[in-house]
């Protein structure tokens, strides 16, 4: 079973930047979909961005132009570069992985992002 470990969250002022990392516990399938989701208190979990092994990338409208998702296959990691952070970006951010050959979603434990002055 793949375990995902997120890191990089923290407290940042509005307008600041953070980079989140997601590290699978083992080598993952060559064919996959990985993504970042977030959940703020009292709200449903929502998709932030996803990336496929084929290079397809998609962002939620509310982060377009500010966030960037990427992977480093050599390091077996996924990243979310978050710039121009707003208070409404504050949430627990989760990474998710699914092999193209499976219907099972693997989730990380989440990392807290707080945007406040």
PDB file of N, CA and C in Angstrom:
ATOM      1  N   UNK A   1       0.842  -1.188   0.000  1.00  0.00           N
ATOM      2  CA  UNK A   1       0.000   0.000   0.000  1.00  0.00           C
ATOM      3  C   UNK A   1       0.882   1.245   0.000  1.00  0.00           C
ATOM      4  N   UNK A   2       0.596   2.141  -0.914  1.00  0.00           N
ATOM      5  CA  UNK A   2       1.395   3.353  -1.021  1.00  0.00           C
ATOM      6  C   UNK A   2       1.027   4.331   0.084  1.00  0.00           C
ATOM      7  N   UNK A   3       2.022   4.838   0.748  1.00  0.00           N
ATOM      8  CA  UNK A   3       1.809   5.903   1.729  1.00  0.00           C
ATOM      9  C   UNK A   3       2.386   7.197   1.166  1.00  0.00           C
ATOM     10  N   UNK A   4       1.655   8.286   1.388  1.00  0.00           N
ATOM     11  CA  UNK A   4       2.072   9.592   0.890  1.00  0.00           C
ATOM     12  C   UNK A   4       2.355  10.501   2.069  1.00  0.00           C
ATOM     13  N   UNK A   5       3.456  11.184   2.010  1.00  0.00           N
ATOM     14  CA  UNK A   5       3.835  12.083   3.107  1.00  0.00           C
ATOM     15  C   UNK A   5       3.989  13.491   2.543  1.00  0.00           C
ATOM     16  N   UNK A   6       3.141  14.400   3.041  1.00  0.00           N
ATOM     17  CA  UNK A   6       3.229  15.799   2.637  1.00  0.00           C
ATOM     18  C   UNK A   6       4.117  16.573   3.601  1.00  0.00           C
ATOM     19  N   UNK A   7       4.718  17.616   3.091  1.00  0.00           N
ATOM     20  CA  UNK A   7       5.499  18.524   3.926  1.00  0.00           C
ATOM     21  C   UNK A   7       5.510  19.894   3.267  1.00  0.00           C
ATOM     22  N   UNK A   8       5.939  20.883   4.036  1.00  0.00           N
ATOM     23  CA  UNK A   8       6.088  22.223   3.478  1.00  0.00           C
ATOM     24  C   UNK A   8       5.041  23.211   3.885  1.00  0.00           C
ATOM     25  N   UNK A   9       4.038  22.761   4.620  1.00  0.00           N
ATOM     26  CA  UNK A   9       3.029  23.705   5.069  1.00  0.00           C
ATOM     27  C   UNK A   9       3.569  24.607   6.162  1.00  0.00           C
ATOM     28  N   UNK A  10       2.766  25.593   6.516  1.00  0.00           N
ATOM     29  CA  UNK A  10       3.177  26.507   7.566  1.00  0.00           C
ATOM     30  C   UNK A  10       2.382  27.782   7.533  1.00  0.00           C
ATOM     31  N   UNK A  11       2.885  28.760   8.242  1.00  0.00           N
ATOM     32  CA  UNK A  11       2.253  30.072   8.332  1.00  0.00           C
ATOM     33  C   UNK A  11       2.961  31.035   7.388  1.00  0.00           C
ATOM     34  N   UNK A  12       2.180  31.729   6.594  1.00  0.00           N
ATOM     35  CA  UNK A  12       2.742  32.697   5.661  1.00  0.00           C
ATOM     36  C   UNK A  12       1.827  33.913   5.608  1.00  0.00           C
ATOM     37  N   UNK A  13       2.410  35.054   5.345  1.00  0.00           N
ATOM     38  CA  UNK A  13       1.615  36.272   5.227  1.00  0.00           C
ATOM     39  C   UNK A  13       0.938  36.332   3.867  1.00  0.00           C
ATOM     40  N   UNK A  14      -0.178  37.039   3.770  1.00  0.00           N
ATOM     41  CA  UNK A  14      -0.812  37.232   2.453  1.00  0.00           C
ATOM     42  C   UNK A  14       0.193  37.781   1.448  1.00  0.00           C
ATOM     43  N   UNK A  15       0.160  37.218   0.251  1.00  0.00           N
ATOM     44  CA  UNK A  15       1.109  37.589  -0.778  1.00  0.00           C
ATOM     45  C   UNK A  15       2.366  36.752  -0.780  1.00  0.00           C
ATOM     46  N   UNK A  16       2.544  35.946   0.237  1.00  0.00           N
ATOM     47  CA  UNK A  16       3.736  35.124   0.354  1.00  0.00           C
ATOM     48  C   UNK A  16       3.650  33.833  -0.451  1.00  0.00           C
ATOM     49  N   UNK A  17       4.679  33.007  -0.300  1.00  0.00           N
ATOM     50  CA  UNK A  17       4.786  31.767  -1.054  1.00  0.00           C
ATOM     51  C   UNK A  17       5.135  30.597  -0.145  1.00  0.00           C
ATOM     52  N   UNK A  18       4.715  29.432  -0.575  1.00  0.00           N
ATOM     53  CA  UNK A  18       5.091  28.177   0.071  1.00  0.00           C
ATOM     54  C   UNK A  18       5.232  27.124  -1.018  1.00  0.00           C
ATOM     55  N   UNK A  19       6.053  26.127  -0.750  1.00  0.00           N
ATOM     56  CA  UNK A  19       6.128  24.982  -1.655  1.00  0.00           C
ATOM     57  C   UNK A  19       5.848  23.718  -0.848  1.00  0.00           C
ATOM     58  N   UNK A  20       4.810  23.021  -1.261  1.00  0.00           N
ATOM     59  CA  UNK A  20       4.452  21.758  -0.641  1.00  0.00           C
ATOM     60  C   UNK A  20       5.107  20.610  -1.406  1.00  0.00           C
ATOM     61  N   UNK A  21       5.450  19.578  -0.672  1.00  0.00           N
ATOM     62  CA  UNK A  21       6.030  18.384  -1.273  1.00  0.00           C
ATOM     63  C   UNK A  21       5.202  17.167  -0.883  1.00  0.00           C
ATOM     64  N   UNK A  22       5.180  16.200  -1.761  1.00  0.00           N
ATOM     65  CA  UNK A  22       4.486  14.939  -1.493  1.00  0.00           C
ATOM     66  C   UNK A  22       5.429  13.823  -1.916  1.00  0.00           C
ATOM     67  N   UNK A  23       5.731  12.947  -0.965  1.00  0.00           N
ATOM     68  CA  UNK A  23       6.670  11.870  -1.235  1.00  0.00           C
ATOM     69  C   UNK A  23       5.995  10.522  -1.022  1.00  0.00           C
ATOM     70  N   UNK A  24       5.819   9.727  -2.068  1.00  0.00           N
ATOM     71  CA  UNK A  24       5.318   8.374  -1.894  1.00  0.00           C
ATOM     72  C   UNK A  24       6.347   7.504  -1.175  1.00  0.00           C
ATOM     73  N   UNK A  25       5.847   6.531  -0.431  1.00  0.00           N
ATOM     74  CA  UNK A  25       6.734   5.684   0.362  1.00  0.00           C
ATOM     75  C   UNK A  25       7.473   4.653  -0.478  1.00  0.00           C
ATOM     76  N   UNK A  26       7.021   4.481  -1.725  1.00  0.00           N
ATOM     77  CA  UNK A  26       7.650   3.518  -2.598  1.00  0.00           C
ATOM     78  C   UNK A  26       7.517   4.009  -4.030  1.00  0.00           C
ATOM     79  N   UNK A  27       8.204   3.357  -4.911  1.00  0.00           N
ATOM     80  CA  UNK A  27       8.096   3.723  -6.311  1.00  0.00           C
ATOM     81  C   UNK A  27       6.663   3.505  -6.781  1.00  0.00           C
ATOM     82  N   UNK A  28       6.170   4.460  -7.521  1.00  0.00           N
ATOM     83  CA  UNK A  28       4.797   4.381  -7.977  1.00  0.00           C
ATOM     84  C   UNK A  28       4.749   3.938  -9.434  1.00  0.00           C
ATOM     85  N   UNK A  29       3.546   3.677  -9.890  1.00  0.00           N
ATOM     86  CA  UNK A  29       3.349   3.252 -11.258  1.00  0.00           C
ATOM     87  C   UNK A  29       3.889   4.305 -12.227  1.00  0.00           C
ATOM     88  N   UNK A  30       4.349   3.844 -13.370  1.00  0.00           N
ATOM     89  CA  UNK A  30       4.788   4.788 -14.410  1.00  0.00           C
ATOM     90  C   UNK A  30       3.605   5.566 -14.963  1.00  0.00           C
ATOM     91  N   UNK A  31       2.421   5.033 -14.759  1.00  0.00           N
ATOM     92  CA  UNK A  31       1.225   5.665 -15.299  1.00  0.00           C
ATOM     93  C   UNK A  31       0.309   6.022 -14.137  1.00  0.00           C
ATOM     94  N   UNK A  32       0.104   7.297 -13.924  1.00  0.00           N
ATOM     95  CA  UNK A  32      -0.591   7.731 -12.719  1.00  0.00           C
ATOM     96  C   UNK A  32      -1.286   9.070 -12.913  1.00  0.00           C
ATOM     97  N   UNK A  33      -2.124   9.364 -11.943  1.00  0.00           N
ATOM     98  CA  UNK A  33      -2.662  10.702 -11.747  1.00  0.00           C
ATOM     99  C   UNK A  33      -2.345  11.081 -10.305  1.00  0.00           C
ATOM    100  N   UNK A  34      -1.729  12.224 -10.134  1.00  0.00           N
ATOM    101  CA  UNK A  34      -1.461  12.731  -8.787  1.00  0.00           C
ATOM    102  C   UNK A  34      -2.023  14.139  -8.688  1.00  0.00           C
ATOM    103  N   UNK A  35      -2.432  14.471  -7.487  1.00  0.00           N
ATOM    104  CA  UNK A  35      -3.037  15.781  -7.349  1.00  0.00           C
ATOM    105  C   UNK A  35      -2.952  16.322  -5.943  1.00  0.00           C
ATOM    106  N   UNK A  36      -3.304  17.571  -5.833  1.00  0.00           N
ATOM    107  CA  UNK A  36      -3.410  18.263  -4.543  1.00  0.00           C
ATOM    108  C   UNK A  36      -4.865  18.675  -4.341  1.00  0.00           C
ATOM    109  N   UNK A  37      -5.355  18.415  -3.151  1.00  0.00           N
ATOM    110  CA  UNK A  37      -6.683  18.823  -2.735  1.00  0.00           C
ATOM    111  C   UNK A  37      -6.527  19.621  -1.450  1.00  0.00           C
ATOM    112  N   UNK A  38      -7.542  20.357  -1.107  1.00  0.00           N
ATOM    113  CA  UNK A  38      -7.489  21.084   0.153  1.00  0.00           C
ATOM    114  C   UNK A  38      -8.845  21.092   0.818  1.00  0.00           C
ATOM    115  N   UNK A  39      -8.817  21.263   2.120  1.00  0.00           N
ATOM    116  CA  UNK A  39     -10.067  21.317   2.887  1.00  0.00           C
ATOM    117  C   UNK A  39      -9.925  22.355   3.979  1.00  0.00           C
ATOM    118  N   UNK A  40     -10.766  23.356   3.911  1.00  0.00           N
ATOM    119  CA  UNK A  40     -10.816  24.389   4.939  1.00  0.00           C
ATOM    120  C   UNK A  40     -11.880  24.004   5.962  1.00  0.00           C
ATOM    121  N   UNK A  41     -11.783  24.528   7.175  1.00  0.00           N
ATOM    122  CA  UNK A  41     -12.763  24.184   8.211  1.00  0.00           C
ATOM    123  C   UNK A  41     -14.190  24.483   7.759  1.00  0.00           C
ATOM    124  N   UNK A  42     -15.042  23.500   7.929  1.00  0.00           N
ATOM    125  CA  UNK A  42     -16.443  23.681   7.584  1.00  0.00           C
ATOM    126  C   UNK A  42     -16.747  23.585   6.102  1.00  0.00           C
ATOM    127  N   UNK A  43     -15.739  23.271   5.309  1.00  0.00           N
ATOM    128  CA  UNK A  43     -15.943  23.182   3.863  1.00  0.00           C
ATOM    129  C   UNK A  43     -15.582  21.786   3.357  1.00  0.00           C
ATOM    130  N   UNK A  44     -16.104  21.480   2.171  1.00  0.00           N
ATOM    131  CA  UNK A  44     -15.767  20.200   1.557  1.00  0.00           C
ATOM    132  C   UNK A  44     -14.363  20.228   0.983  1.00  0.00           C
ATOM    133  N   UNK A  45     -13.777  19.058   0.889  1.00  0.00           N
ATOM    134  CA  UNK A  45     -12.481  18.949   0.254  1.00  0.00           C
ATOM    135  C   UNK A  45     -12.634  19.263  -1.231  1.00  0.00           C
ATOM    136  N   UNK A  46     -11.679  20.035  -1.761  1.00  0.00           N
ATOM    137  CA  UNK A  46     -11.768  20.430  -3.156  1.00  0.00           C
ATOM    138  C   UNK A  46     -10.448  20.211  -3.868  1.00  0.00           C
ATOM    139  N   UNK A  47     -10.571  19.963  -5.167  1.00  0.00           N
ATOM    140  CA  UNK A  47      -9.389  19.766  -5.991  1.00  0.00           C
ATOM    141  C   UNK A  47      -8.700  21.102  -6.227  1.00  0.00           C
ATOM    142  N   UNK A  48      -7.371  21.085  -6.081  1.00  0.00           N
ATOM    143  CA  UNK A  48      -6.569  22.271  -6.360  1.00  0.00           C
ATOM    144  C   UNK A  48      -5.894  22.147  -7.717  1.00  0.00           C
ATOM    145  N   UNK A  49      -5.264  21.002  -7.938  1.00  0.00           N
ATOM    146  CA  UNK A  49      -4.560  20.787  -9.211  1.00  0.00           C
ATOM    147  C   UNK A  49      -4.234  19.308  -9.333  1.00  0.00           C
ATOM    148  N   UNK A  50      -4.102  18.837 -10.568  1.00  0.00           N
ATOM    149  CA  UNK A  50      -3.634  17.475 -10.768  1.00  0.00           C
ATOM    150  C   UNK A  50      -2.670  17.431 -11.930  1.00  0.00           C
ATOM    151  N   UNK A  51      -1.887  16.343 -11.940  1.00  0.00           N
ATOM    152  CA  UNK A  51      -0.902  16.128 -12.992  1.00  0.00           C
ATOM    153  C   UNK A  51      -0.885  14.636 -13.295  1.00  0.00           C
ATOM    154  N   UNK A  52      -0.776  14.303 -14.572  1.00  0.00           N
ATOM    155  CA  UNK A  52      -0.704  12.905 -14.963  1.00  0.00           C
ATOM    156  C   UNK A  52       0.704  12.553 -15.424  1.00  0.00           C
ATOM    157  N   UNK A  53       0.957  11.264 -15.492  1.00  0.00           N
ATOM    158  CA  UNK A  53       2.260  10.811 -15.959  1.00  0.00           C
ATOM    159  C   UNK A  53       2.493  11.205 -17.411  1.00  0.00           C
ATOM    160  N   UNK A  54       1.409  11.446 -18.120  1.00  0.00           N
ATOM    161  CA  UNK A  54       1.533  11.871 -19.514  1.00  0.00           C
ATOM    162  C   UNK A  54       1.769  13.351 -19.683  1.00  0.00           C
ATOM    163  N   UNK A  55       1.788  14.080 -18.558  1.00  0.00           N
ATOM    164  CA  UNK A  55       2.081  15.505 -18.612  1.00  0.00           C
ATOM    165  C   UNK A  55       0.871  16.411 -18.636  1.00  0.00           C
ATOM    166  N   UNK A  56      -0.315  15.841 -18.522  1.00  0.00           N
ATOM    167  CA  UNK A  56      -1.513  16.672 -18.469  1.00  0.00           C
ATOM    168  C   UNK A  56      -1.595  17.351 -17.104  1.00  0.00           C
ATOM    169  N   UNK A  57      -1.865  18.630 -17.110  1.00  0.00           N
ATOM    170  CA  UNK A  57      -1.973  19.407 -15.873  1.00  0.00           C
ATOM    171  C   UNK A  57      -3.263  20.217 -15.911  1.00  0.00           C
ATOM    172  N   UNK A  58      -3.904  20.279 -14.772  1.00  0.00           N
ATOM    173  CA  UNK A  58      -5.124  21.072 -14.677  1.00  0.00           C
ATOM    174  C   UNK A  58      -5.184  21.747 -13.316  1.00  0.00           C
ATOM    175  N   UNK A  59      -5.684  22.977 -13.306  1.00  0.00           N
ATOM    176  CA  UNK A  59      -5.794  23.750 -12.070  1.00  0.00           C
ATOM    177  C   UNK A  59      -7.232  24.188 -11.846  1.00  0.00           C
ATOM    178  N   UNK A  60      -7.584  24.267 -10.588  1.00  0.00           N
ATOM    179  CA  UNK A  60      -8.853  24.895 -10.252  1.00  0.00           C
ATOM    180  C   UNK A  60      -8.754  26.379 -10.597  1.00  0.00           C
ATOM    181  N   UNK A  61      -9.881  26.953 -10.974  1.00  0.00           N
ATOM    182  CA  UNK A  61      -9.876  28.364 -11.383  1.00  0.00           C
ATOM    183  C   UNK A  61      -9.321  29.270 -10.300  1.00  0.00           C
ATOM    184  N   UNK A  62      -9.571  28.936  -9.043  1.00  0.00           N
ATOM    185  CA  UNK A  62      -9.191  29.842  -7.965  1.00  0.00           C
ATOM    186  C   UNK A  62      -7.688  29.866  -7.698  1.00  0.00           C
ATOM    187  N   UNK A  63      -6.905  28.994  -8.356  1.00  0.00           N
ATOM    188  CA  UNK A  63      -5.448  29.021  -8.172  1.00  0.00           C
ATOM    189  C   UNK A  63      -4.688  29.268  -9.480  1.00  0.00           C
ATOM    190  N   UNK A  64      -5.410  29.343 -10.576  1.00  0.00           N
ATOM    191  CA  UNK A  64      -4.743  29.544 -11.857  1.00  0.00           C
ATOM    192  C   UNK A  64      -3.910  30.817 -11.842  1.00  0.00           C
ATOM    193  N   UNK A  65      -2.690  30.688 -12.321  1.00  0.00           N
ATOM    194  CA  UNK A  65      -1.787  31.824 -12.371  1.00  0.00           C
ATOM    195  C   UNK A  65      -1.016  32.052 -11.082  1.00  0.00           C
ATOM    196  N   UNK A  66      -1.385  31.350 -10.026  1.00  0.00           N
ATOM    197  CA  UNK A  66      -0.705  31.522  -8.730  1.00  0.00           C
ATOM    198  C   UNK A  66       0.006  30.256  -8.270  1.00  0.00           C
ATOM    199  N   UNK A  67      -0.587  29.103  -8.536  1.00  0.00           N
ATOM    200  CA  UNK A  67      -0.034  27.827  -8.096  1.00  0.00           C
ATOM    201  C   UNK A  67       0.525  27.063  -9.292  1.00  0.00           C
ATOM    202  N   UNK A  68       1.521  26.218  -8.992  1.00  0.00           N
ATOM    203  CA  UNK A  68       2.115  25.407 -10.044  1.00  0.00           C
ATOM    204  C   UNK A  68       2.403  24.015  -9.496  1.00  0.00           C
ATOM    205  N   UNK A  69       1.904  23.009 -10.201  1.00  0.00           N
ATOM    206  CA  UNK A  69       2.113  21.620  -9.787  1.00  0.00           C
ATOM    207  C   UNK A  69       3.202  21.008 -10.660  1.00  0.00           C
ATOM    208  N   UNK A  70       4.016  20.161 -10.053  1.00  0.00           N
ATOM    209  CA  UNK A  70       5.090  19.527 -10.820  1.00  0.00           C
ATOM    210  C   UNK A  70       5.494  18.224 -10.137  1.00  0.00           C
ATOM    211  N   UNK A  71       6.209  17.406 -10.869  1.00  0.00           N
ATOM    212  CA  UNK A  71       6.752  16.177 -10.318  1.00  0.00           C
ATOM    213  C   UNK A  71       8.235  16.087 -10.660  1.00  0.00           C
ATOM    214  N   UNK A  72       8.946  15.375  -9.814  1.00  0.00           N
ATOM    215  CA  UNK A  72      10.347  15.056 -10.065  1.00  0.00           C
ATOM    216  C   UNK A  72      10.444  13.543  -9.986  1.00  0.00           C
ATOM    217  N   UNK A  73      10.403  12.900 -11.128  1.00  0.00           N
ATOM    218  CA  UNK A  73      10.376  11.445 -11.155  1.00  0.00           C
ATOM    219  C   UNK A  73      11.650  10.844 -10.578  1.00  0.00           C
ATOM    220  N   UNK A  74      12.769  11.542 -10.759  1.00  0.00           N
ATOM    221  CA  UNK A  74      14.033  11.033 -10.218  1.00  0.00           C
ATOM    222  C   UNK A  74      13.993  10.981  -8.691  1.00  0.00           C
ATOM    223  N   UNK A  75      13.316  11.963  -8.104  1.00  0.00           N
ATOM    224  CA  UNK A  75      13.215  12.018  -6.638  1.00  0.00           C
ATOM    225  C   UNK A  75      11.912  11.401  -6.133  1.00  0.00           C
ATOM    226  N   UNK A  76      11.071  10.966  -7.081  1.00  0.00           N
ATOM    227  CA  UNK A  76       9.799  10.349  -6.695  1.00  0.00           C
ATOM    228  C   UNK A  76       8.982  11.298  -5.813  1.00  0.00           C
ATOM    229  N   UNK A  77       8.881  12.537  -6.244  1.00  0.00           N
ATOM    230  CA  UNK A  77       8.142  13.521  -5.452  1.00  0.00           C
ATOM    231  C   UNK A  77       7.245  14.382  -6.342  1.00  0.00           C
ATOM    232  N   UNK A  78       6.230  14.931  -5.719  1.00  0.00           N
ATOM    233  CA  UNK A  78       5.345  15.882  -6.363  1.00  0.00           C
ATOM    234  C   UNK A  78       5.379  17.168  -5.548  1.00  0.00           C
ATOM    235  N   UNK A  79       5.223  18.286  -6.234  1.00  0.00           N
ATOM    236  CA  UNK A  79       5.300  19.574  -5.572  1.00  0.00           C
ATOM    237  C   UNK A  79       4.098  20.445  -5.916  1.00  0.00           C
ATOM    238  N   UNK A  80       3.822  21.381  -5.051  1.00  0.00           N
ATOM    239  CA  UNK A  80       2.850  22.426  -5.337  1.00  0.00           C
ATOM    240  C   UNK A  80       3.495  23.743  -4.919  1.00  0.00           C
ATOM    241  N   UNK A  81       3.881  24.531  -5.888  1.00  0.00           N
ATOM    242  CA  UNK A  81       4.411  25.859  -5.615  1.00  0.00           C
ATOM    243  C   UNK A  81       3.251  26.830  -5.531  1.00  0.00           C
ATOM    244  N   UNK A  82       3.117  27.470  -4.391  1.00  0.00           N
ATOM    245  CA  UNK A  82       1.996  28.369  -4.160  1.00  0.00           C
ATOM    246  C   UNK A  82       2.527  29.787  -3.984  1.00  0.00           C
ATOM    247  N   UNK A  83       2.147  30.657  -4.875  1.00  0.00           N
ATOM    248  CA  UNK A  83       2.559  32.058  -4.825  1.00  0.00           C
ATOM    249  C   UNK A  83       1.341  32.955  -4.620  1.00  0.00           C
ATOM    250  N   UNK A  84       1.591  34.173  -4.234  1.00  0.00           N
ATOM    251  CA  UNK A  84       0.519  35.157  -4.046  1.00  0.00           C
ATOM    252  C   UNK A  84      -0.603  34.587  -3.184  1.00  0.00           C
ATOM    253  N   UNK A  85      -0.235  33.997  -2.090  1.00  0.00           N
ATOM    254  CA  UNK A  85      -1.215  33.336  -1.239  1.00  0.00           C
ATOM    255  C   UNK A  85      -2.193  34.343  -0.639  1.00  0.00           C
ATOM    256  N   UNK A  86      -3.424  33.892  -0.529  1.00  0.00           N
ATOM    257  CA  UNK A  86      -4.505  34.699   0.023  1.00  0.00           C
ATOM    258  C   UNK A  86      -5.026  34.035   1.290  1.00  0.00           C
ATOM    259  N   UNK A  87      -5.672  34.802   2.153  1.00  0.00           N
ATOM    260  CA  UNK A  87      -6.241  34.194   3.366  1.00  0.00           C
ATOM    261  C   UNK A  87      -7.185  33.036   3.041  1.00  0.00           C
ATOM    262  N   UNK A  88      -7.895  33.132   1.936  1.00  0.00           N
ATOM    263  CA  UNK A  88      -8.834  32.064   1.578  1.00  0.00           C
ATOM    264  C   UNK A  88      -8.142  30.795   1.083  1.00  0.00           C
ATOM    265  N   UNK A  89      -6.820  30.834   0.900  1.00  0.00           N
ATOM    266  CA  UNK A  89      -6.078  29.626   0.557  1.00  0.00           C
ATOM    267  C   UNK A  89      -5.749  28.792   1.795  1.00  0.00           C
ATOM    268  N   UNK A  90      -6.005  29.330   2.962  1.00  0.00           N
ATOM    269  CA  UNK A  90      -5.715  28.594   4.187  1.00  0.00           C
ATOM    270  C   UNK A  90      -6.560  27.338   4.262  1.00  0.00           C
ATOM    271  N   UNK A  91      -5.917  26.205   4.499  1.00  0.00           N
ATOM    272  CA  UNK A  91      -6.601  24.922   4.521  1.00  0.00           C
ATOM    273  C   UNK A  91      -5.576  23.843   4.848  1.00  0.00           C
ATOM    274  N   UNK A  92      -6.079  22.643   5.039  1.00  0.00           N
ATOM    275  CA  UNK A  92      -5.200  21.479   5.066  1.00  0.00           C
ATOM    276  C   UNK A  92      -5.087  20.974   3.635  1.00  0.00           C
ATOM    277  N   UNK A  93      -3.865  20.832   3.172  1.00  0.00           N
ATOM    278  CA  UNK A  93      -3.612  20.393   1.806  1.00  0.00           C
ATOM    279  C   UNK A  93      -3.216  18.920   1.810  1.00  0.00           C
ATOM    280  N   UNK A  94      -3.865  18.172   0.929  1.00  0.00           N
ATOM    281  CA  UNK A  94      -3.646  16.740   0.844  1.00  0.00           C
ATOM    282  C   UNK A  94      -3.133  16.374  -0.552  1.00  0.00           C
ATOM    283  N   UNK A  95      -2.207  15.453  -0.620  1.00  0.00           N
ATOM    284  CA  UNK A  95      -1.841  14.922  -1.924  1.00  0.00           C
ATOM    285  C   UNK A  95      -2.546  13.588  -2.125  1.00  0.00           C
ATOM    286  N   UNK A  96      -2.795  13.285  -3.364  1.00  0.00           N
ATOM    287  CA  UNK A  96      -3.498  12.073  -3.730  1.00  0.00           C
ATOM    288  C   UNK A  96      -2.798  11.414  -4.909  1.00  0.00           C
ATOM    289  N   UNK A  97      -2.797  10.104  -4.886  1.00  0.00           N
ATOM    290  CA  UNK A  97      -2.191   9.329  -5.964  1.00  0.00           C
ATOM    291  C   UNK A  97      -3.123   8.211  -6.372  1.00  0.00           C
ATOM    292  N   UNK A  98      -3.214   8.013  -7.681  1.00  0.00           N
ATOM    293  CA  UNK A  98      -3.936   6.863  -8.204  1.00  0.00           C
ATOM    294  C   UNK A  98      -3.181   6.351  -9.420  1.00  0.00           C
ATOM    295  N   UNK A  99      -2.952   5.051  -9.438  1.00  0.00           N
ATOM    296  CA  UNK A  99      -2.373   4.435 -10.628  1.00  0.00           C
ATOM    297  C   UNK A  99      -3.424   4.408 -11.738  1.00  0.00           C
ATOM    298  N   UNK A 100      -2.980   4.570 -12.937  1.00  0.00           N
ATOM    299  CA  UNK A 100      -3.894   4.503 -14.082  1.00  0.00           C
ATOM    300  C   UNK A 100      -4.593   3.156 -14.146  1.00  0.00           C
ATOM    301  N   UNK A 101      -3.970   2.111 -13.565  1.00  0.00           N
ATOM    302  CA  UNK A 101      -4.510   0.761 -13.645  1.00  0.00           C
ATOM    303  C   UNK A 101      -5.368   0.395 -12.435  1.00  0.00           C
ATOM    304  N   UNK A 102      -5.704   1.358 -11.640  1.00  0.00           N
ATOM    305  CA  UNK A 102      -6.423   1.068 -10.404  1.00  0.00           C
ATOM    306  C   UNK A 102      -7.511   2.091 -10.174  1.00  0.00           C
ATOM    307  N   UNK A 103      -8.474   1.718  -9.330  1.00  0.00           N
ATOM    308  CA  UNK A 103      -9.504   2.670  -8.900  1.00  0.00           C
ATOM    309  C   UNK A 103      -9.290   3.101  -7.457  1.00  0.00           C
ATOM    310  N   UNK A 104      -8.151   2.712  -6.886  1.00  0.00           N
ATOM    311  CA  UNK A 104      -7.871   3.035  -5.488  1.00  0.00           C
ATOM    312  C   UNK A 104      -7.145   4.368  -5.400  1.00  0.00           C
ATOM    313  N   UNK A 105      -7.663   5.246  -4.578  1.00  0.00           N
ATOM    314  CA  UNK A 105      -7.014   6.526  -4.303  1.00  0.00           C
ATOM    315  C   UNK A 105      -6.231   6.436  -2.997  1.00  0.00           C
ATOM    316  N   UNK A 106      -5.003   6.896  -3.031  1.00  0.00           N
ATOM    317  CA  UNK A 106      -4.184   6.970  -1.828  1.00  0.00           C
ATOM    318  C   UNK A 106      -4.044   8.445  -1.444  1.00  0.00           C
ATOM    319  N   UNK A 107      -4.218   8.703  -0.152  1.00  0.00           N
ATOM    320  CA  UNK A 107      -4.156  10.067   0.359  1.00  0.00           C
ATOM    321  C   UNK A 107      -3.048  10.207   1.384  1.00  0.00           C
ATOM    322  N   UNK A 108      -2.463  11.389   1.397  1.00  0.00           N
ATOM    323  CA  UNK A 108      -1.548  11.706   2.470  1.00  0.00           C
ATOM    324  C   UNK A 108      -2.297  12.157   3.703  1.00  0.00           C
ATOM    325  N   UNK A 109      -1.555  12.455   4.757  1.00  0.00           N
ATOM    326  CA  UNK A 109      -2.185  12.835   6.031  1.00  0.00           C
ATOM    327  C   UNK A 109      -2.537  14.318   6.073  1.00  0.00           C
ATOM    328  N   UNK A 110      -2.028  15.075   5.112  1.00  0.00           N
ATOM    329  CA  UNK A 110      -2.330  16.497   5.034  1.00  0.00           C
ATOM    330  C   UNK A 110      -1.275  17.360   5.696  1.00  0.00           C
ATOM    331  N   UNK A 111      -1.155  18.556   5.171  1.00  0.00           N
ATOM    332  CA  UNK A 111      -0.256  19.552   5.762  1.00  0.00           C
ATOM    333  C   UNK A 111      -0.995  20.879   5.839  1.00  0.00           C
ATOM    334  N   UNK A 112      -0.887  21.537   6.979  1.00  0.00           N
ATOM    335  CA  UNK A 112      -1.654  22.754   7.227  1.00  0.00           C
ATOM    336  C   UNK A 112      -0.985  23.964   6.583  1.00  0.00           C
ATOM    337  N   UNK A 113      -1.770  24.725   5.879  1.00  0.00           N
ATOM    338  CA  UNK A 113      -1.324  26.012   5.332  1.00  0.00           C
ATOM    339  C   UNK A 113      -2.170  27.103   5.959  1.00  0.00           C
ATOM    340  N   UNK A 114      -1.509  28.042   6.601  1.00  0.00           N
ATOM    341  CA  UNK A 114      -2.187  29.168   7.234  1.00  0.00           C
ATOM    342  C   UNK A 114      -1.693  30.459   6.594  1.00  0.00           C
ATOM    343  N   UNK A 115      -2.616  31.275   6.145  1.00  0.00           N
ATOM    344  CA  UNK A 115      -2.268  32.544   5.504  1.00  0.00           C
ATOM    345  C   UNK A 115      -2.873  33.658   6.347  1.00  0.00           C
ATOM    346  N   UNK A 116      -2.006  34.363   7.028  1.00  0.00           N
ATOM    347  CA  UNK A 116      -2.487  35.387   7.958  1.00  0.00           C
ATOM    348  C   UNK A 116      -1.389  36.393   8.210  1.00  0.00           C
ATOM    349  N   UNK A 117      -1.816  37.620   8.433  1.00  0.00           N
ATOM    350  CA  UNK A 117      -0.861  38.655   8.792  1.00  0.00           C
ATOM    351  C   UNK A 117      -0.748  38.783  10.305  1.00  0.00           C
TER     352      UNK A 117
END
